[in-house]
Protein backbone atom coordinates (compact mmCIF):
# COMPACT_ATOMS: atom_id res chain seq x y z
CA MET A 1 36.82 -19.06 -11.42
CA ASN A 2 36.44 -19.04 -7.42
CA ALA A 3 37.68 -21.83 -5.30
CA ARG A 4 34.37 -23.56 -5.09
CA SER A 5 33.88 -23.59 -8.85
CA ILE A 6 37.33 -25.11 -9.40
CA ILE A 7 36.30 -28.04 -7.09
CA ASP A 8 33.33 -28.62 -8.45
CA GLU A 9 34.45 -28.70 -11.93
CA TYR A 10 37.74 -30.59 -11.50
CA TYR A 11 37.10 -32.85 -8.27
CA ARG A 12 34.73 -35.85 -8.66
CA ALA A 13 33.15 -38.36 -6.45
CA GLU A 14 35.37 -40.90 -8.32
CA VAL A 15 38.32 -39.39 -6.60
CA GLY A 16 37.20 -39.93 -3.30
CA ASP A 17 36.27 -43.19 -3.83
CA VAL A 18 40.11 -44.20 -4.86
CA LYS A 19 41.12 -42.65 -1.66
CA ARG A 20 38.61 -44.19 0.78
CA GLY A 21 39.21 -47.59 -1.01
CA ILE A 22 43.06 -47.33 -0.64
CA ASN A 23 43.05 -46.05 2.93
CA LEU A 24 40.73 -48.79 4.49
CA SER A 25 41.29 -49.73 8.11
CA ASN A 26 42.33 -53.60 8.51
CA ASP A 27 39.02 -54.51 9.75
CA GLU A 28 37.52 -52.73 6.71
CA LYS A 29 39.93 -54.70 4.38
CA ILE A 30 38.69 -57.94 6.05
CA VAL A 31 35.17 -57.26 4.94
CA ASP A 32 36.13 -55.79 1.54
CA ALA A 33 37.84 -59.15 0.87
CA ALA A 34 35.15 -61.54 1.83
CA TYR A 35 32.64 -59.66 -0.27
CA ASN A 36 34.88 -59.39 -3.40
CA TYR A 37 35.89 -63.00 -3.12
CA SER A 38 32.58 -64.30 -1.85
CA TRP A 39 32.76 -66.88 -5.00
CA LYS A 40 35.32 -68.66 -2.97
CA LEU A 41 33.28 -69.04 0.22
CA GLU A 42 31.84 -72.58 -0.72
CA THR A 43 35.12 -73.87 -1.45
CA TRP A 44 36.45 -72.38 1.95
CA LEU A 45 33.50 -73.97 3.86
CA GLU A 46 34.08 -77.35 2.50
CA ASN A 47 37.88 -77.68 2.18
CA VAL A 48 39.12 -75.66 4.94
CA MET A 49 36.37 -75.55 7.53
CA GLY A 50 34.85 -79.15 6.88
CA TYR A 51 31.34 -77.84 6.47
CA ASP A 52 28.69 -79.54 4.35
CA PRO A 53 28.04 -76.60 1.73
CA ALA A 54 24.43 -77.62 1.28
CA SER A 55 23.83 -76.80 5.04
CA LYS A 56 25.33 -72.97 4.39
CA GLN A 57 23.49 -72.58 1.07
CA ASP A 58 21.99 -69.38 2.36
CA TRP A 59 25.38 -67.88 3.30
CA ILE A 60 27.01 -69.02 -0.11
CA GLU A 61 23.96 -67.05 -2.13
CA ASP A 62 23.93 -64.19 0.36
CA ILE A 63 27.47 -62.98 1.74
CA SER A 64 25.60 -60.46 4.00
CA ALA A 65 23.65 -63.27 5.69
CA PHE A 66 26.63 -64.61 6.44
CA GLN A 67 28.41 -61.53 8.04
CA HIS A 68 25.12 -60.94 9.96
CA GLU A 69 24.59 -64.51 11.36
CA ASP A 70 28.46 -65.39 12.31
CA PRO A 71 30.34 -62.02 12.26
CA ASP A 72 33.44 -64.05 13.87
CA LEU A 73 33.44 -66.68 11.28
CA PHE A 74 32.95 -63.95 8.73
CA LYS A 75 36.13 -62.22 9.57
CA THR A 76 38.03 -65.63 9.46
CA PHE A 77 36.82 -66.11 5.93
CA GLY A 78 37.93 -62.41 4.98
CA GLN A 79 41.29 -63.01 6.49
CA TRP A 80 41.88 -66.17 4.79
CA VAL A 81 41.11 -64.64 1.47
CA ILE A 82 43.56 -62.05 2.22
CA ASN A 83 46.32 -64.50 3.19
CA THR A 84 45.87 -66.81 0.34
CA SER A 85 43.96 -65.28 -2.71
CA ILE A 86 45.29 -61.51 -3.00
CA SER A 87 48.25 -60.99 -4.69
CA THR A 88 48.37 -60.38 -8.21
CA ASP A 89 44.87 -61.13 -9.28
CA TYR A 90 43.64 -58.65 -11.93
CA HIS A 91 40.49 -58.22 -9.86
CA ASP A 92 41.99 -57.44 -6.37
CA PRO A 93 40.84 -54.61 -4.21
CA VAL A 94 42.55 -51.30 -4.86
CA TRP A 95 44.16 -51.17 -1.50
CA THR A 96 46.30 -54.19 -2.15
CA HIS A 97 48.33 -52.38 -4.82
CA PHE A 98 48.50 -49.02 -3.18
CA ASP A 99 49.00 -47.41 0.06
CA ARG A 100 49.21 -43.89 1.77
CA ALA A 101 46.69 -42.21 -0.63
CA ASP A 102 46.02 -38.30 -0.12
CA THR A 103 44.01 -35.82 -2.00
CA VAL A 104 45.82 -33.82 -4.51
CA LYS A 105 44.02 -30.60 -5.11
CA PRO A 106 43.27 -29.40 -8.74
CA GLN A 107 46.83 -28.55 -10.10
CA TRP A 108 49.07 -29.09 -12.90
CA LEU A 109 50.23 -32.83 -13.81
CA VAL A 110 51.90 -34.79 -16.51
CA HIS A 111 50.74 -37.89 -18.09
CA TRP A 112 53.58 -39.54 -20.07
CA THR A 113 52.22 -41.59 -23.37
CA LYS A 114 53.52 -43.74 -26.06
CA GLU A 115 50.79 -42.36 -28.35
CA SER A 116 50.88 -38.80 -30.14
CA PRO A 117 50.67 -36.11 -27.19
CA ARG A 118 48.71 -34.06 -29.72
CA TYR A 119 45.84 -36.90 -30.18
CA VAL A 120 45.79 -37.41 -26.48
CA ALA A 121 45.64 -33.68 -25.53
CA LYS A 122 43.22 -33.02 -28.30
CA GLN A 123 40.56 -36.11 -27.65
CA GLY A 124 41.21 -35.85 -23.96
CA PHE A 125 41.51 -39.08 -21.85
CA ILE A 126 38.63 -40.67 -23.33
CA TYR A 127 39.76 -44.22 -21.96
CA GLY A 128 40.73 -45.58 -18.68
CA HIS A 129 40.11 -48.01 -15.96
CA PRO A 130 36.52 -47.99 -15.05
CA ASP A 131 36.57 -49.24 -11.64
CA LEU A 132 38.56 -49.76 -8.43
CA CYS A 133 39.11 -53.41 -8.74
CA GLY A 134 42.41 -54.15 -10.49
CA LEU A 135 43.40 -50.59 -10.66
CA GLY A 136 46.66 -51.29 -9.66
CA LEU A 137 47.23 -53.73 -12.58
CA THR A 138 46.05 -51.61 -15.47
CA CYS A 139 49.04 -52.91 -17.91
CA TYR A 140 47.49 -56.21 -18.16
CA LYS A 141 43.97 -54.95 -19.22
CA ARG A 142 43.53 -56.29 -22.59
CA ASP A 143 40.41 -54.13 -23.16
CA ARG A 144 41.62 -50.85 -21.88
CA LYS A 145 40.39 -48.65 -24.74
CA GLN A 146 36.39 -48.99 -24.21
CA GLN A 147 35.33 -46.50 -21.89
CA PRO A 148 36.39 -43.46 -19.54
CA GLY A 149 38.09 -44.20 -16.18
CA TYR A 150 40.97 -43.57 -14.23
CA ASN A 151 44.31 -42.69 -15.36
CA PHE A 152 47.70 -42.17 -14.15
CA ALA A 153 49.95 -39.05 -13.63
CA PHE A 154 53.06 -37.24 -11.75
CA ASP A 155 52.72 -33.84 -10.17
CA LEU A 156 55.19 -31.69 -11.47
CA ARG A 157 57.88 -32.36 -8.90
CA ASP A 158 58.14 -36.05 -10.10
CA ALA A 159 57.23 -35.56 -13.47
CA SER A 160 60.35 -36.23 -15.22
CA LYS A 161 60.31 -39.86 -13.56
CA GLY A 162 57.92 -41.21 -16.04
CA HIS A 163 59.97 -40.40 -19.04
CA ASN A 164 60.87 -43.68 -20.97
CA LYS A 165 59.16 -45.82 -18.40
CA TYR A 166 55.73 -44.84 -19.31
CA GLY A 167 56.17 -42.94 -22.65
CA ASP A 168 58.68 -40.86 -24.50
CA GLU A 169 56.35 -37.74 -24.76
CA ALA A 170 53.87 -36.13 -22.47
CA VAL A 171 50.67 -34.19 -21.93
CA MET A 172 50.31 -31.46 -19.02
CA PHE A 173 47.09 -30.85 -17.84
CA PHE A 174 45.07 -29.41 -14.86
CA ALA A 175 42.89 -31.72 -12.76
CA GLY A 176 42.52 -32.95 -9.02
CA GLY A 177 43.14 -36.58 -8.04
CA VAL A 178 44.83 -38.89 -5.39
CA GLU A 179 48.51 -39.36 -5.02
CA ALA A 180 49.05 -42.94 -3.70
CA PHE A 181 52.27 -45.28 -3.48
CA HIS A 182 52.04 -47.93 -5.81
CA TYR A 183 53.77 -51.11 -4.51
CA GLY A 184 54.47 -52.56 -7.92
CA ASP A 185 56.18 -49.46 -9.42
CA ALA A 186 57.75 -48.42 -6.35
CA GLU A 187 56.86 -45.02 -6.82
CA TYR A 188 53.97 -42.23 -5.92
CA GLN A 189 51.54 -41.86 -8.55
CA VAL A 190 48.64 -39.39 -9.21
CA ILE A 191 45.34 -41.19 -9.92
CA PHE A 192 42.60 -38.98 -11.73
CA TRP A 193 39.34 -39.30 -13.40
CA GLY A 194 40.26 -38.91 -17.13
CA PRO A 195 37.45 -36.86 -18.07
CA ASP A 196 38.22 -34.27 -15.66
CA ALA A 197 41.56 -33.49 -17.06
CA LYS A 198 41.61 -29.86 -18.56
CA HIS A 199 43.75 -27.36 -20.26
CA ARG A 200 45.77 -30.05 -21.94
CA ILE A 201 49.04 -29.26 -23.36
CA PRO A 202 51.05 -31.67 -25.59
CA ILE A 203 54.84 -31.59 -24.77
CA TYR A 204 56.89 -33.04 -27.76
CA ALA A 205 60.39 -34.64 -27.61
CA ALA A 206 62.53 -32.93 -30.59
CA SER A 207 65.08 -34.80 -32.18
CA ASN A 208 67.70 -32.36 -30.92
CA GLY A 209 66.85 -33.54 -27.55
CA GLU A 210 64.99 -30.54 -26.39
CA TRP A 211 61.29 -30.53 -25.14
CA THR A 212 58.95 -28.31 -27.12
CA VAL A 213 55.56 -26.66 -26.67
CA VAL A 214 53.98 -25.31 -30.09
CA ASN A 215 51.30 -23.57 -31.45
CA LYS A 216 48.37 -25.94 -31.89
CA HIS A 217 47.09 -24.04 -35.09
CA THR A 218 50.47 -23.25 -36.65
CA GLU A 219 52.75 -26.04 -34.90
CA ARG A 220 55.49 -23.30 -34.67
CA VAL A 221 57.57 -23.64 -31.54
CA VAL A 222 56.43 -21.43 -28.68
CA TYR A 223 58.83 -22.63 -26.23
CA HIS A 224 61.59 -25.26 -25.99
CA ASN A 225 64.19 -26.25 -23.20
CA GLU A 226 66.38 -29.25 -23.12
CA ASN A 227 65.18 -29.67 -19.36
CA PHE A 228 61.78 -30.90 -19.06
CA ASP A 229 61.15 -29.26 -15.72
CA ALA A 230 61.96 -26.18 -17.16
CA VAL A 231 59.09 -26.67 -19.95
CA THR A 232 56.67 -27.43 -17.15
CA GLN A 233 57.30 -24.53 -15.30
CA TRP A 234 57.10 -22.18 -18.24
CA VAL A 235 53.80 -23.57 -18.95
CA GLU A 236 52.77 -22.93 -15.29
CA ASP A 237 54.16 -19.50 -15.39
CA ASN A 238 52.60 -18.36 -19.08
CA PHE A 239 49.54 -20.12 -19.25
CA GLN A 240 47.17 -17.65 -19.18
CA ARG A 241 49.14 -15.69 -21.94
CA TYR A 242 49.20 -18.75 -24.14
CA ALA A 243 46.24 -21.00 -23.46
CA SER A 244 44.49 -20.16 -26.45
CA VAL A 245 47.31 -21.46 -28.62
CA ILE A 246 48.70 -24.11 -26.50
CA ALA A 247 45.90 -25.94 -24.88
CA TYR A 248 42.98 -28.28 -25.58
CA ASP A 249 39.86 -28.29 -23.58
């Protein structure tokens, strides 16, 4: 597989959407906030600016008309939204919860899970957060398991950070994504589009404190080590040899 086909297979438009959404300029954030919270315009016009909402009905019904006809006042509204409305709202734009996004080229990543890692690896990341709004607060989403979408992982250098915090066992896989700093968790995380995760390998926590990789057909241990990083390194080094018995696609 050449470099171009790897990019085509693993790097989707959704990944670029995340990076652009997080790295908006200040002016772009004002516009984005105004559009995302356009339903607050009527209240703002009446209670903050003292307008009769009936006189600005065209703006209330079409936020783009407001932006076109009075761009300065439009920016004032957008800034007001940022100052007063955005904090922990589930529908907040992605840039309110993440910062410093950068592209992660297709590589090995680790996702921690409280579910069976075999189940996740076998089924794939069939559920996720479907859009950018609310991406920083997915733990509060009640209907998470409805459709494919964005999921979270760590690159190998930070993989062990997620143990216990997000799950007791893990799935190692190959995908591209966007790495960004998450304000709430105070750490860098990789955001990836779930269906793009390939070569999914469950990593189990054994009762003796070791981490294990098993043959998916026989469930016999193929490799074990008490150091999680040693296990991920072994997978990376030996994947071609053992792919047919340890990985799900």
